[in-house]
């Protein structure tokens, strides 16, 4: 059973995705806190900015 998202959570997700376009680890930090996904995103961002952005958007969209 899928959980229906309300407009407020959709707007919040959109703002986090926009934030992730500029600073991917910050978007992940806001979404999941300090966890393994945050550290994975830092490593991906160091290796290349685009992988960090893709990972951040994936994390935000999947939650």
PDB file of N, CA and C in Angstrom:
ATOM      1  N   UNK A   1       0.838  -1.174   0.000  1.00  0.00           N
ATOM      2  CA  UNK A   1       0.000   0.000   0.000  1.00  0.00           C
ATOM      3  C   UNK A   1       0.884   1.239   0.000  1.00  0.00           C
ATOM      4  N   UNK A   2       0.706   2.088  -0.964  1.00  0.00           N
ATOM      5  CA  UNK A   2       1.510   3.292  -1.083  1.00  0.00           C
ATOM      6  C   UNK A   2       0.971   4.374  -0.157  1.00  0.00           C
ATOM      7  N   UNK A   3       1.879   5.132   0.378  1.00  0.00           N
ATOM      8  CA  UNK A   3       1.494   6.243   1.242  1.00  0.00           C
ATOM      9  C   UNK A   3       1.300   7.472   0.358  1.00  0.00           C
ATOM     10  N   UNK A   4       0.132   8.086   0.461  1.00  0.00           N
ATOM     11  CA  UNK A   4      -0.156   9.282  -0.341  1.00  0.00           C
ATOM     12  C   UNK A   4       0.596  10.465   0.253  1.00  0.00           C
ATOM     13  N   UNK A   5       1.261  11.201  -0.611  1.00  0.00           N
ATOM     14  CA  UNK A   5       1.985  12.388  -0.156  1.00  0.00           C
ATOM     15  C   UNK A   5       1.077  13.599  -0.258  1.00  0.00           C
ATOM     16  N   UNK A   6       1.160  14.455   0.730  1.00  0.00           N
ATOM     17  CA  UNK A   6       0.377  15.675   0.667  1.00  0.00           C
ATOM     18  C   UNK A   6       1.183  16.759  -0.047  1.00  0.00           C
ATOM     19  N   UNK A   7       0.548  17.855  -0.451  1.00  0.00           N
ATOM     20  CA  UNK A   7       1.251  18.904  -1.199  1.00  0.00           C
ATOM     21  C   UNK A   7       2.435  19.501  -0.438  1.00  0.00           C
ATOM     22  N   UNK A   8       2.352  19.553   0.898  1.00  0.00           N
ATOM     23  CA  UNK A   8       3.458  20.108   1.669  1.00  0.00           C
ATOM     24  C   UNK A   8       4.711  19.259   1.542  1.00  0.00           C
ATOM     25  N   UNK A   9       4.547  17.934   1.565  1.00  0.00           N
ATOM     26  CA  UNK A   9       5.725  17.080   1.452  1.00  0.00           C
ATOM     27  C   UNK A   9       6.291  17.122   0.036  1.00  0.00           C
ATOM     28  N   UNK A  10       5.416  17.300  -0.964  1.00  0.00           N
ATOM     29  CA  UNK A  10       5.905  17.423  -2.342  1.00  0.00           C
ATOM     30  C   UNK A  10       6.706  18.707  -2.517  1.00  0.00           C
ATOM     31  N   UNK A  11       6.234  19.792  -1.912  1.00  0.00           N
ATOM     32  CA  UNK A  11       6.964  21.056  -1.989  1.00  0.00           C
ATOM     33  C   UNK A  11       8.294  20.952  -1.244  1.00  0.00           C
ATOM     34  N   UNK A  12       8.281  20.278  -0.102  1.00  0.00           N
ATOM     35  CA  UNK A  12       9.514  20.076   0.656  1.00  0.00           C
ATOM     36  C   UNK A  12      10.521  19.247  -0.125  1.00  0.00           C
ATOM     37  N   UNK A  13      10.043  18.186  -0.785  1.00  0.00           N
ATOM     38  CA  UNK A  13      10.930  17.366  -1.606  1.00  0.00           C
ATOM     39  C   UNK A  13      11.503  18.173  -2.764  1.00  0.00           C
ATOM     40  N   UNK A  14      10.677  19.005  -3.375  1.00  0.00           N
ATOM     41  CA  UNK A  14      11.146  19.841  -4.482  1.00  0.00           C
ATOM     42  C   UNK A  14      12.231  20.808  -4.013  1.00  0.00           C
ATOM     43  N   UNK A  15      12.049  21.403  -2.849  1.00  0.00           N
ATOM     44  CA  UNK A  15      13.060  22.316  -2.309  1.00  0.00           C
ATOM     45  C   UNK A  15      14.359  21.575  -1.976  1.00  0.00           C
ATOM     46  N   UNK A  16      14.237  20.346  -1.454  1.00  0.00           N
ATOM     47  CA  UNK A  16      15.439  19.554  -1.157  1.00  0.00           C
ATOM     48  C   UNK A  16      16.168  19.153  -2.433  1.00  0.00           C
ATOM     49  N   UNK A  17      15.419  18.865  -3.499  1.00  0.00           N
ATOM     50  CA  UNK A  17      16.057  18.521  -4.775  1.00  0.00           C
ATOM     51  C   UNK A  17      16.764  19.734  -5.354  1.00  0.00           C
ATOM     52  N   UNK A  18      16.156  20.911  -5.268  1.00  0.00           N
ATOM     53  CA  UNK A  18      16.815  22.131  -5.746  1.00  0.00           C
ATOM     54  C   UNK A  18      18.077  22.398  -4.936  1.00  0.00           C
ATOM     55  N   UNK A  19      18.013  22.189  -3.624  1.00  0.00           N
ATOM     56  CA  UNK A  19      19.189  22.341  -2.775  1.00  0.00           C
ATOM     57  C   UNK A  19      20.275  21.353  -3.174  1.00  0.00           C
ATOM     58  N   UNK A  20      19.866  20.141  -3.542  1.00  0.00           N
ATOM     59  CA  UNK A  20      20.814  19.103  -3.933  1.00  0.00           C
ATOM     60  C   UNK A  20      21.509  19.404  -5.254  1.00  0.00           C
ATOM     61  N   UNK A  21      20.901  20.212  -6.089  1.00  0.00           N
ATOM     62  CA  UNK A  21      21.544  20.584  -7.348  1.00  0.00           C
ATOM     63  C   UNK A  21      22.768  21.462  -7.114  1.00  0.00           C
ATOM     64  N   UNK A  22      22.781  22.184  -6.000  1.00  0.00           N
ATOM     65  CA  UNK A  22      23.914  23.058  -5.682  1.00  0.00           C
ATOM     66  C   UNK A  22      24.887  22.407  -4.698  1.00  0.00           C
ATOM     67  N   UNK A  23      24.371  21.755  -3.673  1.00  0.00           N
ATOM     68  CA  UNK A  23      25.190  21.077  -2.659  1.00  0.00           C
ATOM     69  C   UNK A  23      24.577  19.708  -2.350  1.00  0.00           C
ATOM     70  N   UNK A  24      24.947  18.690  -3.122  1.00  0.00           N
ATOM     71  CA  UNK A  24      24.318  17.372  -2.948  1.00  0.00           C
ATOM     72  C   UNK A  24      24.382  16.799  -1.528  1.00  0.00           C
ATOM     73  N   UNK A  25      25.518  16.874  -0.819  1.00  0.00           N
ATOM     74  CA  UNK A  25      25.524  16.303   0.535  1.00  0.00           C
ATOM     75  C   UNK A  25      24.563  17.016   1.496  1.00  0.00           C
ATOM     76  N   UNK A  26      24.344  18.299   1.276  1.00  0.00           N
ATOM     77  CA  UNK A  26      23.429  19.028   2.158  1.00  0.00           C
ATOM     78  C   UNK A  26      21.987  18.567   1.960  1.00  0.00           C
ATOM     79  N   UNK A  27      21.602  18.300   0.729  1.00  0.00           N
ATOM     80  CA  UNK A  27      20.259  17.777   0.475  1.00  0.00           C
ATOM     81  C   UNK A  27      20.048  16.422   1.110  1.00  0.00           C
ATOM     82  N   UNK A  28      21.064  15.564   1.044  1.00  0.00           N
ATOM     83  CA  UNK A  28      20.966  14.241   1.665  1.00  0.00           C
ATOM     84  C   UNK A  28      20.953  14.379   3.184  1.00  0.00           C
ATOM     85  N   UNK A  29      21.740  15.291   3.711  1.00  0.00           N
ATOM     86  CA  UNK A  29      21.774  15.506   5.155  1.00  0.00           C
ATOM     87  C   UNK A  29      20.411  15.942   5.672  1.00  0.00           C
ATOM     88  N   UNK A  30      19.751  16.836   4.954  1.00  0.00           N
ATOM     89  CA  UNK A  30      18.417  17.283   5.366  1.00  0.00           C
ATOM     90  C   UNK A  30      17.418  16.136   5.301  1.00  0.00           C
ATOM     91  N   UNK A  31      17.556  15.260   4.313  1.00  0.00           N
ATOM     92  CA  UNK A  31      16.593  14.161   4.133  1.00  0.00           C
ATOM     93  C   UNK A  31      16.801  13.031   5.136  1.00  0.00           C
ATOM     94  N   UNK A  32      18.032  12.549   5.313  1.00  0.00           N
ATOM     95  CA  UNK A  32      18.253  11.347   6.123  1.00  0.00           C
ATOM     96  C   UNK A  32      19.111  11.579   7.358  1.00  0.00           C
ATOM     97  N   UNK A  33      19.688  12.752   7.508  1.00  0.00           N
ATOM     98  CA  UNK A  33      20.568  13.001   8.640  1.00  0.00           C
ATOM     99  C   UNK A  33      21.944  12.393   8.390  1.00  0.00           C
ATOM    100  N   UNK A  34      22.731  12.313   9.445  1.00  0.00           N
ATOM    101  CA  UNK A  34      24.069  11.745   9.312  1.00  0.00           C
ATOM    102  C   UNK A  34      23.933  10.221   9.341  1.00  0.00           C
ATOM    103  N   UNK A  35      24.039   9.637   8.166  1.00  0.00           N
ATOM    104  CA  UNK A  35      23.908   8.189   8.019  1.00  0.00           C
ATOM    105  C   UNK A  35      24.861   7.740   6.925  1.00  0.00           C
ATOM    106  N   UNK A  36      24.769   6.469   6.578  1.00  0.00           N
ATOM    107  CA  UNK A  36      25.661   5.951   5.545  1.00  0.00           C
ATOM    108  C   UNK A  36      25.410   6.630   4.203  1.00  0.00           C
ATOM    109  N   UNK A  37      24.159   7.007   3.927  1.00  0.00           N
ATOM    110  CA  UNK A  37      23.856   7.674   2.659  1.00  0.00           C
ATOM    111  C   UNK A  37      24.529   9.038   2.564  1.00  0.00           C
ATOM    112  N   UNK A  38      24.627   9.730   3.682  1.00  0.00           N
ATOM    113  CA  UNK A  38      25.302  11.023   3.706  1.00  0.00           C
ATOM    114  C   UNK A  38      26.783  10.864   3.353  1.00  0.00           C
ATOM    115  N   UNK A  39      27.443   9.888   3.950  1.00  0.00           N
ATOM    116  CA  UNK A  39      28.865   9.692   3.690  1.00  0.00           C
ATOM    117  C   UNK A  39      29.112   9.153   2.280  1.00  0.00           C
ATOM    118  N   UNK A  40      28.216   8.309   1.792  1.00  0.00           N
ATOM    119  CA  UNK A  40      28.323   7.836   0.406  1.00  0.00           C
ATOM    120  C   UNK A  40      28.207   9.011  -0.546  1.00  0.00           C
ATOM    121  N   UNK A  41      27.297   9.928  -0.246  1.00  0.00           N
ATOM    122  CA  UNK A  41      27.108  11.074  -1.120  1.00  0.00           C
ATOM    123  C   UNK A  41      28.320  11.998  -1.099  1.00  0.00           C
ATOM    124  N   UNK A  42      28.956  12.155   0.043  1.00  0.00           N
ATOM    125  CA  UNK A  42      30.172  12.968   0.100  1.00  0.00           C
ATOM    126  C   UNK A  42      31.247  12.358  -0.792  1.00  0.00           C
ATOM    127  N   UNK A  43      31.424  11.051  -0.716  1.00  0.00           N
ATOM    128  CA  UNK A  43      32.434  10.379  -1.542  1.00  0.00           C
ATOM    129  C   UNK A  43      32.105  10.520  -3.022  1.00  0.00           C
ATOM    130  N   UNK A  44      30.830  10.322  -3.384  1.00  0.00           N
ATOM    131  CA  UNK A  44      30.442  10.463  -4.785  1.00  0.00           C
ATOM    132  C   UNK A  44      30.634  11.889  -5.277  1.00  0.00           C
ATOM    133  N   UNK A  45      30.362  12.865  -4.439  1.00  0.00           N
ATOM    134  CA  UNK A  45      30.539  14.257  -4.830  1.00  0.00           C
ATOM    135  C   UNK A  45      32.012  14.597  -5.006  1.00  0.00           C
ATOM    136  N   UNK A  46      32.870  14.009  -4.195  1.00  0.00           N
ATOM    137  CA  UNK A  46      34.313  14.236  -4.350  1.00  0.00           C
ATOM    138  C   UNK A  46      34.814  13.639  -5.656  1.00  0.00           C
ATOM    139  N   UNK A  47      34.324  12.447  -5.992  1.00  0.00           N
ATOM    140  CA  UNK A  47      34.753  11.795  -7.231  1.00  0.00           C
ATOM    141  C   UNK A  47      34.216  12.489  -8.473  1.00  0.00           C
ATOM    142  N   UNK A  48      33.078  13.098  -8.350  1.00  0.00           N
ATOM    143  CA  UNK A  48      32.486  13.818  -9.467  1.00  0.00           C
ATOM    144  C   UNK A  48      31.186  14.443  -9.011  1.00  0.00           C
ATOM    145  N   UNK A  49      30.959  15.659  -9.409  1.00  0.00           N
ATOM    146  CA  UNK A  49      29.787  16.369  -8.931  1.00  0.00           C
ATOM    147  C   UNK A  49      28.489  15.710  -9.395  1.00  0.00           C
ATOM    148  N   UNK A  50      28.433  15.275 -10.634  1.00  0.00           N
ATOM    149  CA  UNK A  50      27.214  14.690 -11.191  1.00  0.00           C
ATOM    150  C   UNK A  50      26.780  13.406 -10.471  1.00  0.00           C
ATOM    151  N   UNK A  51      27.687  12.473 -10.158  1.00  0.00           N
ATOM    152  CA  UNK A  51      27.241  11.295  -9.385  1.00  0.00           C
ATOM    153  C   UNK A  51      26.656  11.669  -8.021  1.00  0.00           C
ATOM    154  N   UNK A  52      27.204  12.699  -7.395  1.00  0.00           N
ATOM    155  CA  UNK A  52      26.661  13.162  -6.118  1.00  0.00           C
ATOM    156  C   UNK A  52      25.252  13.698  -6.260  1.00  0.00           C
ATOM    157  N   UNK A  53      25.011  14.442  -7.335  1.00  0.00           N
ATOM    158  CA  UNK A  53      23.678  14.990  -7.579  1.00  0.00           C
ATOM    159  C   UNK A  53      22.680  13.870  -7.868  1.00  0.00           C
ATOM    160  N   UNK A  54      23.079  12.922  -8.700  1.00  0.00           N
ATOM    161  CA  UNK A  54      22.186  11.814  -9.035  1.00  0.00           C
ATOM    162  C   UNK A  54      21.828  11.012  -7.782  1.00  0.00           C
ATOM    163  N   UNK A  55      22.808  10.730  -6.952  1.00  0.00           N
ATOM    164  CA  UNK A  55      22.554   9.986  -5.717  1.00  0.00           C
ATOM    165  C   UNK A  55      21.644  10.775  -4.783  1.00  0.00           C
ATOM    166  N   UNK A  56      21.862  12.063  -4.663  1.00  0.00           N
ATOM    167  CA  UNK A  56      21.048  12.893  -3.773  1.00  0.00           C
ATOM    168  C   UNK A  56      19.597  12.923  -4.247  1.00  0.00           C
ATOM    169  N   UNK A  57      19.385  13.108  -5.527  1.00  0.00           N
ATOM    170  CA  UNK A  57      18.013  13.135  -6.044  1.00  0.00           C
ATOM    171  C   UNK A  57      17.347  11.769  -5.862  1.00  0.00           C
ATOM    172  N   UNK A  58      18.091  10.698  -6.075  1.00  0.00           N
ATOM    173  CA  UNK A  58      17.553   9.353  -5.858  1.00  0.00           C
ATOM    174  C   UNK A  58      17.124   9.155  -4.389  1.00  0.00           C
ATOM    175  N   UNK A  59      17.968   9.557  -3.458  1.00  0.00           N
ATOM    176  CA  UNK A  59      17.658   9.390  -2.042  1.00  0.00           C
ATOM    177  C   UNK A  59      16.417  10.192  -1.671  1.00  0.00           C
ATOM    178  N   UNK A  60      16.337  11.421  -2.133  1.00  0.00           N
ATOM    179  CA  UNK A  60      15.189  12.269  -1.801  1.00  0.00           C
ATOM    180  C   UNK A  60      13.910  11.733  -2.449  1.00  0.00           C
ATOM    181  N   UNK A  61      13.983  11.324  -3.681  1.00  0.00           N
ATOM    182  CA  UNK A  61      12.788  10.857  -4.399  1.00  0.00           C
ATOM    183  C   UNK A  61      12.307   9.500  -3.886  1.00  0.00           C
ATOM    184  N   UNK A  62      13.205   8.682  -3.369  1.00  0.00           N
ATOM    185  CA  UNK A  62      12.803   7.343  -2.947  1.00  0.00           C
ATOM    186  C   UNK A  62      12.226   7.306  -1.536  1.00  0.00           C
ATOM    187  N   UNK A  63      12.306   8.366  -0.803  1.00  0.00           N
ATOM    188  CA  UNK A  63      11.789   8.368   0.571  1.00  0.00           C
ATOM    189  C   UNK A  63      10.475   9.069   0.666  1.00  0.00           C
TER     190      UNK A  63
END
